């Protein structure tokens, strides 16, 4: 007698990794994910964002990992949207490729998120978080790469409610991201995670950090700081301010940055700001 065939439903979680030029870190990330409990309920999806260091070939060593290869750097926002539209899981785990999860990380986060409708997203332990920034904070971040005003996460707490955890791994419901109409592609390589944080707060949903849930942080790739990426950071901040603080705030931020570039003789940056050149696959 043949055993009864049981149809497997959609995965509970899709771990979505947008990867670019970080082959060693990506390999460690995938090796850790493969050891996850409830692996059969976890979809692992890698979106290679125009890598040229061999990163695109790494997922081929993991037969159960799904891969999308983009021909050039489309920016994190567009690459993430492509991945979200492909993902099959009810929950989305946005995971930077330089992180390694523990075997129970994904399942523990998913259980906590599913336990309460008032919780919009959950993160494993992170050392610091930030308030949703205003124009001054965004200006500082576009200049130095870091937001001011970090708030420490106390490790002995069970949960910590936070507003914004830039660069952190975060688990969210796929339906919520669809309800946002995905990520606004006014953002290129910067600030789409800030938009998610704002949308969650606007919907009355909390973001919780679970300090007892751990990940390993490997060395992150150096952020790209060429002219187009610097302009992209400023233009993304301008778009965020325009959406949530009024058109004048966004325009003023962009004009101020352009005047600063002019005064500093940064004519390439000035040109990119005037033309609105984002990291979206159209830059050279």
C-alpha atoms as a PDB file:
ATOM      1  CA  UNK A   1       0.000   0.000   0.000  1.00  0.00           C
ATOM      2  CA  UNK A   2       1.442   3.373  -1.001  1.00  0.00           C
ATOM      3  CA  UNK A   3       1.822   5.948   1.748  1.00  0.00           C
ATOM      4  CA  UNK A   4      -0.596   8.844   1.625  1.00  0.00           C
ATOM      5  CA  UNK A   5       0.901  11.863  -0.102  1.00  0.00           C
ATOM      6  CA  UNK A   6       0.559  15.020   1.971  1.00  0.00           C
ATOM      7  CA  UNK A   7       0.633  18.285   0.079  1.00  0.00           C
ATOM      8  CA  UNK A   8       3.045  20.713   1.683  1.00  0.00           C
ATOM      9  CA  UNK A   9       1.603  24.178   2.137  1.00  0.00           C
ATOM     10  CA  UNK A  10       3.371  27.479   1.603  1.00  0.00           C
ATOM     11  CA  UNK A  11       6.351  28.205   3.832  1.00  0.00           C
ATOM     12  CA  UNK A  12       5.778  29.916   7.131  1.00  0.00           C
ATOM     13  CA  UNK A  13       8.711  32.289   6.644  1.00  0.00           C
ATOM     14  CA  UNK A  14      10.735  33.562   3.699  1.00  0.00           C
ATOM     15  CA  UNK A  15      14.238  34.644   4.648  1.00  0.00           C
ATOM     16  CA  UNK A  16      14.961  37.346   2.070  1.00  0.00           C
ATOM     17  CA  UNK A  17      18.613  38.235   1.568  1.00  0.00           C
ATOM     18  CA  UNK A  18      19.633  41.041  -0.781  1.00  0.00           C
ATOM     19  CA  UNK A  19      23.283  40.408  -1.494  1.00  0.00           C
ATOM     20  CA  UNK A  20      25.965  42.386  -3.284  1.00  0.00           C
ATOM     21  CA  UNK A  21      29.698  41.644  -3.380  1.00  0.00           C
ATOM     22  CA  UNK A  22      29.894  39.748  -0.094  1.00  0.00           C
ATOM     23  CA  UNK A  23      30.516  36.128  -1.082  1.00  0.00           C
ATOM     24  CA  UNK A  24      32.249  34.926   2.145  1.00  0.00           C
ATOM     25  CA  UNK A  25      29.607  36.479   4.409  1.00  0.00           C
ATOM     26  CA  UNK A  26      26.754  35.174   2.260  1.00  0.00           C
ATOM     27  CA  UNK A  27      28.094  31.613   2.449  1.00  0.00           C
ATOM     28  CA  UNK A  28      28.210  31.738   6.255  1.00  0.00           C
ATOM     29  CA  UNK A  29      24.721  33.261   6.328  1.00  0.00           C
ATOM     30  CA  UNK A  30      23.261  30.463   4.214  1.00  0.00           C
ATOM     31  CA  UNK A  31      25.068  27.718   6.124  1.00  0.00           C
ATOM     32  CA  UNK A  32      23.509  29.003   9.346  1.00  0.00           C
ATOM     33  CA  UNK A  33      20.015  29.301   7.849  1.00  0.00           C
ATOM     34  CA  UNK A  34      20.187  25.721   6.582  1.00  0.00           C
ATOM     35  CA  UNK A  35      20.491  24.558  10.219  1.00  0.00           C
ATOM     36  CA  UNK A  36      17.259  26.289  11.223  1.00  0.00           C
ATOM     37  CA  UNK A  37      14.646  24.300  13.094  1.00  0.00           C
ATOM     38  CA  UNK A  38      11.512  23.826  10.984  1.00  0.00           C
ATOM     39  CA  UNK A  39      13.725  24.119   7.907  1.00  0.00           C
ATOM     40  CA  UNK A  40      10.933  22.592   5.823  1.00  0.00           C
ATOM     41  CA  UNK A  41       8.767  25.648   6.654  1.00  0.00           C
ATOM     42  CA  UNK A  42      11.482  28.139   5.730  1.00  0.00           C
ATOM     43  CA  UNK A  43      12.013  29.482   2.230  1.00  0.00           C
ATOM     44  CA  UNK A  44      15.461  30.997   1.673  1.00  0.00           C
ATOM     45  CA  UNK A  45      15.514  33.520  -1.157  1.00  0.00           C
ATOM     46  CA  UNK A  46      18.662  35.351  -2.254  1.00  0.00           C
ATOM     47  CA  UNK A  47      18.416  38.360  -4.557  1.00  0.00           C
ATOM     48  CA  UNK A  48      21.868  38.996  -5.987  1.00  0.00           C
ATOM     49  CA  UNK A  49      22.032  42.691  -6.731  1.00  0.00           C
ATOM     50  CA  UNK A  50      24.531  42.808  -9.600  1.00  0.00           C
ATOM     51  CA  UNK A  51      27.516  41.306  -7.771  1.00  0.00           C
ATOM     52  CA  UNK A  52      30.864  40.937  -9.522  1.00  0.00           C
ATOM     53  CA  UNK A  53      32.818  39.059  -6.831  1.00  0.00           C
ATOM     54  CA  UNK A  54      31.316  35.576  -7.197  1.00  0.00           C
ATOM     55  CA  UNK A  55      28.443  36.147  -4.753  1.00  0.00           C
ATOM     56  CA  UNK A  56      25.906  35.181  -7.408  1.00  0.00           C
ATOM     57  CA  UNK A  57      27.385  31.676  -7.579  1.00  0.00           C
ATOM     58  CA  UNK A  58      27.339  30.997  -3.814  1.00  0.00           C
ATOM     59  CA  UNK A  59      23.648  29.917  -3.585  1.00  0.00           C
ATOM     60  CA  UNK A  60      24.244  27.214  -6.214  1.00  0.00           C
ATOM     61  CA  UNK A  61      26.024  25.230  -3.479  1.00  0.00           C
ATOM     62  CA  UNK A  62      22.746  25.135  -1.528  1.00  0.00           C
ATOM     63  CA  UNK A  63      20.171  23.161  -3.571  1.00  0.00           C
ATOM     64  CA  UNK A  64      17.161  24.288  -1.513  1.00  0.00           C
ATOM     65  CA  UNK A  65      17.968  27.990  -1.771  1.00  0.00           C
ATOM     66  CA  UNK A  66      16.104  30.078  -4.340  1.00  0.00           C
ATOM     67  CA  UNK A  67      18.087  32.713  -6.237  1.00  0.00           C
ATOM     68  CA  UNK A  68      17.232  35.739  -8.337  1.00  0.00           C
ATOM     69  CA  UNK A  69      20.150  37.321 -10.188  1.00  0.00           C
ATOM     70  CA  UNK A  70      19.854  40.955 -11.168  1.00  0.00           C
ATOM     71  CA  UNK A  71      22.109  42.163 -14.009  1.00  0.00           C
ATOM     72  CA  UNK A  72      23.228  45.327 -12.227  1.00  0.00           C
ATOM     73  CA  UNK A  73      22.913  47.211  -8.960  1.00  0.00           C
ATOM     74  CA  UNK A  74      19.210  48.078  -8.806  1.00  0.00           C
ATOM     75  CA  UNK A  75      19.511  49.507  -5.287  1.00  0.00           C
ATOM     76  CA  UNK A  76      18.306  47.799  -2.145  1.00  0.00           C
ATOM     77  CA  UNK A  77      14.711  49.021  -2.461  1.00  0.00           C
ATOM     78  CA  UNK A  78      14.006  47.734  -5.957  1.00  0.00           C
ATOM     79  CA  UNK A  79      15.883  44.487  -5.262  1.00  0.00           C
ATOM     80  CA  UNK A  80      13.862  43.975  -2.083  1.00  0.00           C
ATOM     81  CA  UNK A  81      10.588  44.566  -3.915  1.00  0.00           C
ATOM     82  CA  UNK A  82      11.546  41.985  -6.527  1.00  0.00           C
ATOM     83  CA  UNK A  83      12.219  39.523  -3.727  1.00  0.00           C
ATOM     84  CA  UNK A  84       9.006  40.308  -1.842  1.00  0.00           C
ATOM     85  CA  UNK A  85       6.926  39.758  -4.969  1.00  0.00           C
ATOM     86  CA  UNK A  86       8.604  36.364  -5.416  1.00  0.00           C
ATOM     87  CA  UNK A  87       8.444  35.253  -1.766  1.00  0.00           C
ATOM     88  CA  UNK A  88       5.925  32.591  -0.761  1.00  0.00           C
ATOM     89  CA  UNK A  89       6.120  32.808   3.025  1.00  0.00           C
ATOM     90  CA  UNK A  90       3.401  34.422   5.128  1.00  0.00           C
ATOM     91  CA  UNK A  91       6.182  36.157   7.081  1.00  0.00           C
ATOM     92  CA  UNK A  92       9.205  37.945   5.636  1.00  0.00           C
ATOM     93  CA  UNK A  93      12.558  37.911   7.392  1.00  0.00           C
ATOM     94  CA  UNK A  94      14.743  40.662   5.940  1.00  0.00           C
ATOM     95  CA  UNK A  95      18.231  39.376   6.696  1.00  0.00           C
ATOM     96  CA  UNK A  96      21.486  41.189   5.871  1.00  0.00           C
ATOM     97  CA  UNK A  97      23.966  38.720   4.355  1.00  0.00           C
ATOM     98  CA  UNK A  98      26.695  39.396   6.935  1.00  0.00           C
ATOM     99  CA  UNK A  99      24.606  37.898   9.772  1.00  0.00           C
ATOM    100  CA  UNK A 100      24.372  34.304  10.979  1.00  0.00           C
ATOM    101  CA  UNK A 101      21.247  33.121  12.761  1.00  0.00           C
ATOM    102  CA  UNK A 102      21.066  30.497  15.486  1.00  0.00           C
ATOM    103  CA  UNK A 103      19.027  27.346  14.738  1.00  0.00           C
ATOM    104  CA  UNK A 104      16.008  28.657  16.662  1.00  0.00           C
ATOM    105  CA  UNK A 105      16.215  32.330  15.611  1.00  0.00           C
ATOM    106  CA  UNK A 106      13.658  32.322  12.813  1.00  0.00           C
ATOM    107  CA  UNK A 107      11.114  30.085  14.527  1.00  0.00           C
ATOM    108  CA  UNK A 108      11.274  32.055  17.804  1.00  0.00           C
ATOM    109  CA  UNK A 109      10.790  35.382  16.047  1.00  0.00           C
ATOM    110  CA  UNK A 110       7.908  33.986  13.976  1.00  0.00           C
ATOM    111  CA  UNK A 111       6.117  32.601  17.024  1.00  0.00           C
ATOM    112  CA  UNK A 112       6.330  35.961  18.810  1.00  0.00           C
ATOM    113  CA  UNK A 113       5.074  37.907  15.796  1.00  0.00           C
ATOM    114  CA  UNK A 114       2.155  35.541  15.255  1.00  0.00           C
ATOM    115  CA  UNK A 115       1.137  35.720  18.924  1.00  0.00           C
ATOM    116  CA  UNK A 116      -0.173  39.311  18.773  1.00  0.00           C
ATOM    117  CA  UNK A 117      -1.783  41.437  16.084  1.00  0.00           C
ATOM    118  CA  UNK A 118      -0.511  44.570  17.822  1.00  0.00           C
ATOM    119  CA  UNK A 119       3.078  43.545  17.081  1.00  0.00           C
ATOM    120  CA  UNK A 120       4.076  44.566  13.577  1.00  0.00           C
ATOM    121  CA  UNK A 121       7.665  43.353  13.477  1.00  0.00           C
ATOM    122  CA  UNK A 122      10.255  41.608  15.627  1.00  0.00           C
ATOM    123  CA  UNK A 123      14.060  41.652  15.639  1.00  0.00           C
ATOM    124  CA  UNK A 124      16.729  39.585  17.383  1.00  0.00           C
ATOM    125  CA  UNK A 125      19.152  41.304  19.732  1.00  0.00           C
ATOM    126  CA  UNK A 126      20.662  44.542  18.475  1.00  0.00           C
ATOM    127  CA  UNK A 127      22.898  46.757  20.626  1.00  0.00           C
ATOM    128  CA  UNK A 128      21.159  50.038  19.783  1.00  0.00           C
ATOM    129  CA  UNK A 129      18.094  51.607  18.215  1.00  0.00           C
ATOM    130  CA  UNK A 130      16.993  55.130  17.226  1.00  0.00           C
ATOM    131  CA  UNK A 131      13.993  57.392  17.281  1.00  0.00           C
ATOM    132  CA  UNK A 132      12.468  58.058  13.892  1.00  0.00           C
ATOM    133  CA  UNK A 133      14.776  60.836  12.662  1.00  0.00           C
ATOM    134  CA  UNK A 134      13.971  64.386  11.664  1.00  0.00           C
ATOM    135  CA  UNK A 135      15.803  66.453   9.054  1.00  0.00           C
ATOM    136  CA  UNK A 136      18.725  67.143  11.387  1.00  0.00           C
ATOM    137  CA  UNK A 137      19.270  63.468  12.094  1.00  0.00           C
ATOM    138  CA  UNK A 138      19.060  62.551   8.429  1.00  0.00           C
ATOM    139  CA  UNK A 139      21.531  65.283   7.509  1.00  0.00           C
ATOM    140  CA  UNK A 140      24.005  63.932  10.041  1.00  0.00           C
ATOM    141  CA  UNK A 141      23.526  60.377   8.777  1.00  0.00           C
ATOM    142  CA  UNK A 142      24.039  61.349   5.135  1.00  0.00           C
ATOM    143  CA  UNK A 143      27.260  63.077   6.135  1.00  0.00           C
ATOM    144  CA  UNK A 144      28.803  60.556   8.511  1.00  0.00           C
ATOM    145  CA  UNK A 145      26.918  57.346   7.787  1.00  0.00           C
ATOM    146  CA  UNK A 146      25.518  57.199  11.341  1.00  0.00           C
ATOM    147  CA  UNK A 147      22.343  58.543  12.901  1.00  0.00           C
ATOM    148  CA  UNK A 148      22.782  60.523  16.127  1.00  0.00           C
ATOM    149  CA  UNK A 149      21.020  59.695  19.382  1.00  0.00           C
ATOM    150  CA  UNK A 150      21.509  55.940  19.721  1.00  0.00           C
ATOM    151  CA  UNK A 151      19.437  54.235  22.441  1.00  0.00           C
ATOM    152  CA  UNK A 152      20.980  51.187  24.121  1.00  0.00           C
ATOM    153  CA  UNK A 153      19.132  47.863  24.256  1.00  0.00           C
ATOM    154  CA  UNK A 154      19.239  46.341  27.731  1.00  0.00           C
ATOM    155  CA  UNK A 155      20.165  42.692  27.368  1.00  0.00           C
ATOM    156  CA  UNK A 156      18.360  41.495  30.507  1.00  0.00           C
ATOM    157  CA  UNK A 157      14.933  42.605  29.273  1.00  0.00           C
ATOM    158  CA  UNK A 158      12.534  40.113  27.712  1.00  0.00           C
ATOM    159  CA  UNK A 159      11.400  42.558  25.025  1.00  0.00           C
ATOM    160  CA  UNK A 160      12.265  46.108  24.052  1.00  0.00           C
ATOM    161  CA  UNK A 161       9.899  48.270  21.991  1.00  0.00           C
ATOM    162  CA  UNK A 162      11.880  50.365  19.498  1.00  0.00           C
ATOM    163  CA  UNK A 163      11.120  52.859  16.745  1.00  0.00           C
ATOM    164  CA  UNK A 164      13.890  52.224  14.219  1.00  0.00           C
ATOM    165  CA  UNK A 165      16.724  49.708  14.032  1.00  0.00           C
ATOM    166  CA  UNK A 166      18.711  50.526  10.875  1.00  0.00           C
ATOM    167  CA  UNK A 167      20.365  47.556   9.226  1.00  0.00           C
ATOM    168  CA  UNK A 168      18.892  45.063  11.689  1.00  0.00           C
ATOM    169  CA  UNK A 169      17.346  41.748  10.676  1.00  0.00           C
ATOM    170  CA  UNK A 170      13.584  42.182  10.963  1.00  0.00           C
ATOM    171  CA  UNK A 171      10.600  39.845  10.617  1.00  0.00           C
ATOM    172  CA  UNK A 172       7.300  41.296   9.366  1.00  0.00           C
ATOM    173  CA  UNK A 173       4.060  40.005   7.874  1.00  0.00           C
ATOM    174  CA  UNK A 174       4.080  39.822   4.087  1.00  0.00           C
ATOM    175  CA  UNK A 175       0.513  41.154   3.993  1.00  0.00           C
ATOM    176  CA  UNK A 176       1.683  44.317   5.754  1.00  0.00           C
ATOM    177  CA  UNK A 177       4.327  44.965   3.117  1.00  0.00           C
ATOM    178  CA  UNK A 178       1.783  44.317   0.382  1.00  0.00           C
ATOM    179  CA  UNK A 179      -0.577  46.723   2.135  1.00  0.00           C
ATOM    180  CA  UNK A 180       2.138  49.393   1.891  1.00  0.00           C
ATOM    181  CA  UNK A 181       2.075  48.731  -1.874  1.00  0.00           C
ATOM    182  CA  UNK A 182       5.564  47.355  -1.320  1.00  0.00           C
ATOM    183  CA  UNK A 183       8.517  49.680  -0.733  1.00  0.00           C
ATOM    184  CA  UNK A 184       8.328  53.101  -2.329  1.00  0.00           C
ATOM    185  CA  UNK A 185      10.922  53.173  -5.098  1.00  0.00           C
ATOM    186  CA  UNK A 186      11.551  56.845  -4.478  1.00  0.00           C
ATOM    187  CA  UNK A 187      14.154  55.210  -2.235  1.00  0.00           C
ATOM    188  CA  UNK A 188      17.128  53.697  -4.005  1.00  0.00           C
ATOM    189  CA  UNK A 189      19.790  52.110  -1.808  1.00  0.00           C
ATOM    190  CA  UNK A 190      18.888  54.011   1.377  1.00  0.00           C
ATOM    191  CA  UNK A 191      16.037  54.501   3.832  1.00  0.00           C
ATOM    192  CA  UNK A 192      13.481  51.919   2.720  1.00  0.00           C
ATOM    193  CA  UNK A 193      13.879  50.311   6.166  1.00  0.00           C
ATOM    194  CA  UNK A 194      13.102  53.695   7.715  1.00  0.00           C
ATOM    195  CA  UNK A 195       9.927  53.859   5.632  1.00  0.00           C
ATOM    196  CA  UNK A 196       8.904  50.438   6.968  1.00  0.00           C
ATOM    197  CA  UNK A 197       9.465  51.632  10.538  1.00  0.00           C
ATOM    198  CA  UNK A 198       7.351  54.739   9.908  1.00  0.00           C
ATOM    199  CA  UNK A 199       4.557  52.728   8.296  1.00  0.00           C
ATOM    200  CA  UNK A 200       4.462  50.305  11.220  1.00  0.00           C
ATOM    201  CA  UNK A 201       4.202  53.126  13.752  1.00  0.00           C
ATOM    202  CA  UNK A 202       1.565  54.889  11.639  1.00  0.00           C
ATOM    203  CA  UNK A 203      -0.491  51.686  11.669  1.00  0.00           C
ATOM    204  CA  UNK A 204      -0.247  51.477  15.458  1.00  0.00           C
ATOM    205  CA  UNK A 205       2.027  48.439  15.328  1.00  0.00           C
ATOM    206  CA  UNK A 206       5.036  47.962  17.575  1.00  0.00           C
ATOM    207  CA  UNK A 207       8.539  46.806  16.657  1.00  0.00           C
ATOM    208  CA  UNK A 208       9.952  44.526  19.337  1.00  0.00           C
ATOM    209  CA  UNK A 209      13.561  43.532  19.915  1.00  0.00           C
ATOM    210  CA  UNK A 210      13.962  40.168  21.666  1.00  0.00           C
ATOM    211  CA  UNK A 211      17.352  40.366  23.411  1.00  0.00           C
ATOM    212  CA  UNK A 212      17.440  36.615  24.161  1.00  0.00           C
ATOM    213  CA  UNK A 213      17.285  35.834  20.423  1.00  0.00           C
ATOM    214  CA  UNK A 214      20.803  36.086  19.083  1.00  0.00           C
ATOM    215  CA  UNK A 215      22.560  36.383  15.750  1.00  0.00           C
ATOM    216  CA  UNK A 216      26.267  36.595  14.934  1.00  0.00           C
ATOM    217  CA  UNK A 217      27.455  39.730  13.209  1.00  0.00           C
ATOM    218  CA  UNK A 218      30.272  39.089  10.749  1.00  0.00           C
ATOM    219  CA  UNK A 219      32.266  41.900   9.172  1.00  0.00           C
ATOM    220  CA  UNK A 220      29.911  43.924   6.998  1.00  0.00           C
ATOM    221  CA  UNK A 221      31.001  44.968   3.513  1.00  0.00           C
ATOM    222  CA  UNK A 222      32.193  48.546   3.331  1.00  0.00           C
ATOM    223  CA  UNK A 223      29.302  50.806   2.289  1.00  0.00           C
ATOM    224  CA  UNK A 224      29.681  52.288  -1.159  1.00  0.00           C
ATOM    225  CA  UNK A 225      30.346  56.022  -0.820  1.00  0.00           C
ATOM    226  CA  UNK A 226      30.826  57.117  -4.411  1.00  0.00           C
ATOM    227  CA  UNK A 227      29.026  60.192  -5.705  1.00  0.00           C
ATOM    228  CA  UNK A 228      25.881  58.398  -6.808  1.00  0.00           C
ATOM    229  CA  UNK A 229      25.499  56.549  -3.501  1.00  0.00           C
ATOM    230  CA  UNK A 230      26.017  59.771  -1.546  1.00  0.00           C
ATOM    231  CA  UNK A 231      23.380  61.489  -3.673  1.00  0.00           C
ATOM    232  CA  UNK A 232      21.085  58.501  -3.248  1.00  0.00           C
ATOM    233  CA  UNK A 233      21.291  58.841   0.538  1.00  0.00           C
ATOM    234  CA  UNK A 234      20.361  62.527   0.352  1.00  0.00           C
ATOM    235  CA  UNK A 235      17.585  62.013  -2.182  1.00  0.00           C
ATOM    236  CA  UNK A 236      16.105  59.157  -0.154  1.00  0.00           C
ATOM    237  CA  UNK A 237      16.132  61.312   2.984  1.00  0.00           C
ATOM    238  CA  UNK A 238      14.483  64.108   1.006  1.00  0.00           C
ATOM    239  CA  UNK A 239      11.785  61.709  -0.214  1.00  0.00           C
ATOM    240  CA  UNK A 240      11.110  60.513   3.343  1.00  0.00           C
ATOM    241  CA  UNK A 241      10.824  64.057   4.680  1.00  0.00           C
ATOM    242  CA  UNK A 242       8.595  65.100   1.787  1.00  0.00           C
ATOM    243  CA  UNK A 243       6.224  62.192   2.410  1.00  0.00           C
ATOM    244  CA  UNK A 244       5.954  62.552   6.167  1.00  0.00           C
ATOM    245  CA  UNK A 245       6.897  66.142   7.045  1.00  0.00           C
ATOM    246  CA  UNK A 246       5.544  68.001   4.016  1.00  0.00           C
ATOM    247  CA  UNK A 247       6.775  68.776   0.519  1.00  0.00           C
ATOM    248  CA  UNK A 248       8.602  71.895   1.671  1.00  0.00           C
ATOM    249  CA  UNK A 249      10.646  69.926   4.189  1.00  0.00           C
ATOM    250  CA  UNK A 250      11.797  67.445   1.559  1.00  0.00           C
ATOM    251  CA  UNK A 251      12.567  70.119  -1.016  1.00  0.00           C
ATOM    252  CA  UNK A 252      14.397  72.240   1.522  1.00  0.00           C
ATOM    253  CA  UNK A 253      16.571  69.288   2.528  1.00  0.00           C
ATOM    254  CA  UNK A 254      17.523  68.637  -1.094  1.00  0.00           C
ATOM    255  CA  UNK A 255      18.206  72.298  -1.874  1.00  0.00           C
ATOM    256  CA  UNK A 256      20.339  72.673   1.249  1.00  0.00           C
ATOM    257  CA  UNK A 257      22.406  69.647   0.261  1.00  0.00           C
ATOM    258  CA  UNK A 258      22.810  70.970  -3.293  1.00  0.00           C
ATOM    259  CA  UNK A 259      23.985  74.363  -2.019  1.00  0.00           C
ATOM    260  CA  UNK A 260      26.432  72.614   0.282  1.00  0.00           C
ATOM    261  CA  UNK A 261      27.799  70.594  -2.630  1.00  0.00           C
ATOM    262  CA  UNK A 262      28.146  73.768  -4.719  1.00  0.00           C
ATOM    263  CA  UNK A 263      29.964  75.600  -1.927  1.00  0.00           C
ATOM    264  CA  UNK A 264      32.310  72.649  -1.465  1.00  0.00           C
ATOM    265  CA  UNK A 265      33.099  72.335  -5.154  1.00  0.00           C
ATOM    266  CA  UNK A 266      31.481  68.874  -5.287  1.00  0.00           C
ATOM    267  CA  UNK A 267      30.097  69.310  -8.774  1.00  0.00           C
ATOM    268  CA  UNK A 268      29.486  65.622  -9.412  1.00  0.00           C
ATOM    269  CA  UNK A 269      27.340  65.416  -6.292  1.00  0.00           C
ATOM    270  CA  UNK A 270      25.585  68.639  -7.257  1.00  0.00           C
ATOM    271  CA  UNK A 271      24.761  67.243 -10.694  1.00  0.00           C
ATOM    272  CA  UNK A 272      23.421  63.992  -9.226  1.00  0.00           C
ATOM    273  CA  UNK A 273      21.233  65.897  -6.765  1.00  0.00           C
ATOM    274  CA  UNK A 274      19.826  68.173  -9.441  1.00  0.00           C
ATOM    275  CA  UNK A 275      19.103  65.302 -11.821  1.00  0.00           C
ATOM    276  CA  UNK A 276      17.710  63.078  -9.060  1.00  0.00           C
ATOM    277  CA  UNK A 277      20.053  60.207  -9.846  1.00  0.00           C
ATOM    278  CA  UNK A 278      19.308  57.299  -7.475  1.00  0.00           C
ATOM    279  CA  UNK A 279      20.898  53.885  -7.192  1.00  0.00           C
ATOM    280  CA  UNK A 280      18.214  52.091  -9.194  1.00  0.00           C
ATOM    281  CA  UNK A 281      19.937  50.408 -12.117  1.00  0.00           C
ATOM    282  CA  UNK A 282      20.051  53.528 -14.317  1.00  0.00           C
ATOM    283  CA  UNK A 283      23.336  54.861 -12.925  1.00  0.00           C
ATOM    284  CA  UNK A 284      26.693  53.995 -14.447  1.00  0.00           C
END
